[in-house]
Amino acid sequence: MKLIEILSPDFTFTDERGTITQIVHEGFSQVNAVFTKAGAVRGNFHYHKNTKELFYIIKGKISFSAKYQDKEEEYTFSDGDMFLVNENVRHSFIYLEDTYLVGLYTKCVENADGTKDIISDEKV
């Protein structure tokens, strides 16, 4: 089982005015814009039973850890990197720089019954 998949945006267009990056054009129900200060930790190895998460780093740098059963992977991501975390993969972020990122979810983490598809022993 792949813990994460390294992806690329659908397309990027650049001209004298700046850049437009189309991250995806379908398949996601929830989108979060996140800013986190350098040195902070988010996630604390939480996971989702029913959703995949896609992350696109707009600006900044993170150390990302993924775990599933006996398998563990470590990555460093920065500006323009994009990756997908599969269901049931525990993951955690350490922010190495002030970071702006977009998080997209294949299904909303808030369930109709008021519970959340976020499983963790720690503060997310």
C-alpha atoms as a PDB file:
ATOM      1  CA  MET A   1       0.000   0.000   0.000  1.00  0.00           C
ATOM      2  CA  LYS A   2       1.261   3.450  -0.911  1.00  0.00           C
ATOM      3  CA  LEU A   3       1.135   5.757   2.093  1.00  0.00           C
ATOM      4  CA  ILE A   4       1.172   8.900  -0.011  1.00  0.00           C
ATOM      5  CA  GLU A   5       1.243   9.774  -3.691  1.00  0.00           C
ATOM      6  CA  ILE A   6       3.359  12.628  -5.022  1.00  0.00           C
ATOM      7  CA  LEU A   7       1.223  14.572  -7.508  1.00  0.00           C
ATOM      8  CA  SER A   8       1.406  17.576  -9.801  1.00  0.00           C
ATOM      9  CA  PRO A   9      -1.234  20.260 -10.321  1.00  0.00           C
ATOM     10  CA  ASP A  10      -3.501  19.877 -13.365  1.00  0.00           C
ATOM     11  CA  PHE A  11      -1.797  22.869 -14.980  1.00  0.00           C
ATOM     12  CA  THR A  12       0.064  26.093 -14.308  1.00  0.00           C
ATOM     13  CA  PHE A  13      -0.196  29.220 -16.441  1.00  0.00           C
ATOM     14  CA  THR A  14       2.266  32.070 -16.053  1.00  0.00           C
ATOM     15  CA  ASP A  15       2.457  35.410 -17.832  1.00  0.00           C
ATOM     16  CA  GLU A  16       3.538  38.960 -17.000  1.00  0.00           C
ATOM     17  CA  ARG A  17       0.605  39.303 -14.555  1.00  0.00           C
ATOM     18  CA  GLY A  18       1.556  36.297 -12.429  1.00  0.00           C
ATOM     19  CA  THR A  19       0.635  32.625 -12.136  1.00  0.00           C
ATOM     20  CA  ILE A  20      -2.546  30.562 -12.021  1.00  0.00           C
ATOM     21  CA  THR A  21      -2.233  27.025 -10.675  1.00  0.00           C
ATOM     22  CA  GLN A  22      -5.155  24.637 -11.080  1.00  0.00           C
ATOM     23  CA  ILE A  23      -4.627  22.188  -8.246  1.00  0.00           C
ATOM     24  CA  VAL A  24      -7.491  19.849  -9.253  1.00  0.00           C
ATOM     25  CA  HIS A  25     -10.754  20.174 -11.145  1.00  0.00           C
ATOM     26  CA  GLU A  26     -12.869  17.439  -9.543  1.00  0.00           C
ATOM     27  CA  GLY A  27     -13.105  14.816  -6.814  1.00  0.00           C
ATOM     28  CA  PHE A  28     -12.973  16.867  -3.596  1.00  0.00           C
ATOM     29  CA  SER A  29     -15.730  17.946  -1.199  1.00  0.00           C
ATOM     30  CA  GLN A  30     -13.902  20.107   1.344  1.00  0.00           C
ATOM     31  CA  VAL A  31     -11.137  22.669   0.892  1.00  0.00           C
ATOM     32  CA  ASN A  32      -9.155  24.305   3.705  1.00  0.00           C
ATOM     33  CA  ALA A  33      -6.666  27.173   3.428  1.00  0.00           C
ATOM     34  CA  VAL A  34      -4.119  26.803   6.229  1.00  0.00           C
ATOM     35  CA  PHE A  35      -1.435  29.119   7.592  1.00  0.00           C
ATOM     36  CA  THR A  36       0.909  27.721  10.236  1.00  0.00           C
ATOM     37  CA  LYS A  37       3.874  29.356  11.958  1.00  0.00           C
ATOM     38  CA  ALA A  38       7.385  27.892  11.856  1.00  0.00           C
ATOM     39  CA  GLY A  39       8.039  25.383  14.642  1.00  0.00           C
ATOM     40  CA  ALA A  40       4.400  24.344  15.060  1.00  0.00           C
ATOM     41  CA  VAL A  41       3.174  20.756  14.826  1.00  0.00           C
ATOM     42  CA  ARG A  42      -0.191  19.758  13.334  1.00  0.00           C
ATOM     43  CA  GLY A  43      -1.765  16.368  12.942  1.00  0.00           C
ATOM     44  CA  ASN A  44       0.034  14.401  15.642  1.00  0.00           C
ATOM     45  CA  PHE A  45      -0.413  11.200  13.631  1.00  0.00           C
ATOM     46  CA  HIS A  46      -4.170  11.401  13.142  1.00  0.00           C
ATOM     47  CA  TYR A  47      -5.876   9.569  10.297  1.00  0.00           C
ATOM     48  CA  HIS A  48      -9.164   9.434   8.403  1.00  0.00           C
ATOM     49  CA  LYS A  49     -11.145   6.246   7.792  1.00  0.00           C
ATOM     50  CA  ASN A  50     -13.256   7.572   4.926  1.00  0.00           C
ATOM     51  CA  THR A  51     -11.360  10.324   3.162  1.00  0.00           C
ATOM     52  CA  LYS A  52      -8.147  10.989   1.296  1.00  0.00           C
ATOM     53  CA  GLU A  53      -6.370  14.319   1.801  1.00  0.00           C
ATOM     54  CA  LEU A  54      -4.502  16.237  -0.841  1.00  0.00           C
ATOM     55  CA  PHE A  55      -2.073  18.980   0.183  1.00  0.00           C
ATOM     56  CA  TYR A  56      -0.599  21.719  -2.009  1.00  0.00           C
ATOM     57  CA  ILE A  57       2.152  23.852  -0.477  1.00  0.00           C
ATOM     58  CA  ILE A  58       1.708  27.447  -1.628  1.00  0.00           C
ATOM     59  CA  LYS A  59       4.652  28.873   0.314  1.00  0.00           C
ATOM     60  CA  GLY A  60       6.811  27.468   3.076  1.00  0.00           C
ATOM     61  CA  LYS A  61       8.429  24.218   4.119  1.00  0.00           C
ATOM     62  CA  ILE A  62       7.237  21.224   6.141  1.00  0.00           C
ATOM     63  CA  SER A  63       8.525  17.928   7.414  1.00  0.00           C
ATOM     64  CA  PHE A  64       5.825  15.314   6.838  1.00  0.00           C
ATOM     65  CA  SER A  65       5.619  11.854   8.423  1.00  0.00           C
ATOM     66  CA  ALA A  66       3.273   9.044   7.364  1.00  0.00           C
ATOM     67  CA  LYS A  67       2.688   5.705   9.119  1.00  0.00           C
ATOM     68  CA  TYR A  68       0.612   2.640   8.306  1.00  0.00           C
ATOM     69  CA  GLN A  69       1.049  -0.592  10.258  1.00  0.00           C
ATOM     70  CA  ASP A  70       4.843  -1.264  10.237  1.00  0.00           C
ATOM     71  CA  LYS A  71       5.587   1.091   7.355  1.00  0.00           C
ATOM     72  CA  GLU A  72       6.830   4.632   7.984  1.00  0.00           C
ATOM     73  CA  GLU A  73       7.881   7.361   5.530  1.00  0.00           C
ATOM     74  CA  GLU A  74       9.391  10.828   5.996  1.00  0.00           C
ATOM     75  CA  TYR A  75       9.309  13.693   3.481  1.00  0.00           C
ATOM     76  CA  THR A  76      10.216  17.354   3.219  1.00  0.00           C
ATOM     77  CA  PHE A  77       7.872  19.443   1.083  1.00  0.00           C
ATOM     78  CA  SER A  78       8.084  23.090   0.034  1.00  0.00           C
ATOM     79  CA  ASP A  79       6.693  25.658  -2.429  1.00  0.00           C
ATOM     80  CA  GLY A  80       4.675  24.010  -5.210  1.00  0.00           C
ATOM     81  CA  ASP A  81       4.835  20.455  -3.863  1.00  0.00           C
ATOM     82  CA  MET A  82       1.617  18.434  -3.894  1.00  0.00           C
ATOM     83  CA  PHE A  83       0.804  15.061  -2.334  1.00  0.00           C
ATOM     84  CA  LEU A  84      -2.139  12.813  -1.499  1.00  0.00           C
ATOM     85  CA  VAL A  85      -2.509  10.941   1.801  1.00  0.00           C
ATOM     86  CA  ASN A  86      -4.540   7.740   1.562  1.00  0.00           C
ATOM     87  CA  GLU A  87      -7.228   6.616   4.031  1.00  0.00           C
ATOM     88  CA  ASN A  88      -6.089   5.099   7.332  1.00  0.00           C
ATOM     89  CA  VAL A  89      -2.561   6.518   7.009  1.00  0.00           C
ATOM     90  CA  ARG A  90      -1.483   8.270  10.208  1.00  0.00           C
ATOM     91  CA  HIS A  91       0.220  11.545   9.428  1.00  0.00           C
ATOM     92  CA  SER A  92       1.840  14.509  11.112  1.00  0.00           C
ATOM     93  CA  PHE A  93       3.346  17.841  10.057  1.00  0.00           C
ATOM     94  CA  ILE A  94       6.244  19.812  11.501  1.00  0.00           C
ATOM     95  CA  TYR A  95       6.365  23.309  10.039  1.00  0.00           C
ATOM     96  CA  LEU A  96       9.971  24.237   9.264  1.00  0.00           C
ATOM     97  CA  GLU A  97       8.998  27.699   7.977  1.00  0.00           C
ATOM     98  CA  ASP A  98       5.891  29.867   8.141  1.00  0.00           C
ATOM     99  CA  THR A  99       3.729  27.947   5.671  1.00  0.00           C
ATOM    100  CA  TYR A 100       0.637  28.532   3.564  1.00  0.00           C
ATOM    101  CA  LEU A 101      -1.003  25.401   2.170  1.00  0.00           C
ATOM    102  CA  VAL A 102      -4.283  24.182   0.770  1.00  0.00           C
ATOM    103  CA  GLY A 103      -5.825  20.953   2.077  1.00  0.00           C
ATOM    104  CA  LEU A 104      -8.479  19.185   0.010  1.00  0.00           C
ATOM    105  CA  TYR A 105     -10.575  16.247   1.197  1.00  0.00           C
ATOM    106  CA  THR A 106     -12.352  13.656  -0.946  1.00  0.00           C
ATOM    107  CA  LYS A 107     -15.169  13.695   1.659  1.00  0.00           C
ATOM    108  CA  CYS A 108     -15.935  16.236   4.365  1.00  0.00           C
ATOM    109  CA  VAL A 109     -14.457  15.292   7.728  1.00  0.00           C
ATOM    110  CA  GLU A 110     -17.619  16.478   9.501  1.00  0.00           C
ATOM    111  CA  ASN A 111     -20.148  13.627   9.440  1.00  0.00           C
ATOM    112  CA  ALA A 112     -23.936  14.146   9.270  1.00  0.00           C
ATOM    113  CA  ASP A 113     -24.300  12.849  12.854  1.00  0.00           C
ATOM    114  CA  GLY A 114     -21.931  15.535  14.212  1.00  0.00           C
ATOM    115  CA  THR A 115     -18.917  13.254  14.629  1.00  0.00           C
ATOM    116  CA  LYS A 116     -15.705  13.771  12.670  1.00  0.00           C
ATOM    117  CA  ASP A 117     -13.671  11.424  10.513  1.00  0.00           C
ATOM    118  CA  ILE A 118     -10.532  12.403  12.417  1.00  0.00           C
ATOM    119  CA  ILE A 119      -9.044   9.681  14.581  1.00  0.00           C
ATOM    120  CA  SER A 120      -6.318  10.799  16.961  1.00  0.00           C
ATOM    121  CA  ASP A 121      -5.235  10.650  20.576  1.00  0.00           C
ATOM    122  CA  GLU A 122      -3.801  14.163  20.314  1.00  0.00           C
ATOM    123  CA  LYS A 123      -4.979  17.679  19.497  1.00  0.00           C
ATOM    124  CA  VAL A 124      -5.176  18.069  15.711  1.00  0.00           C
END
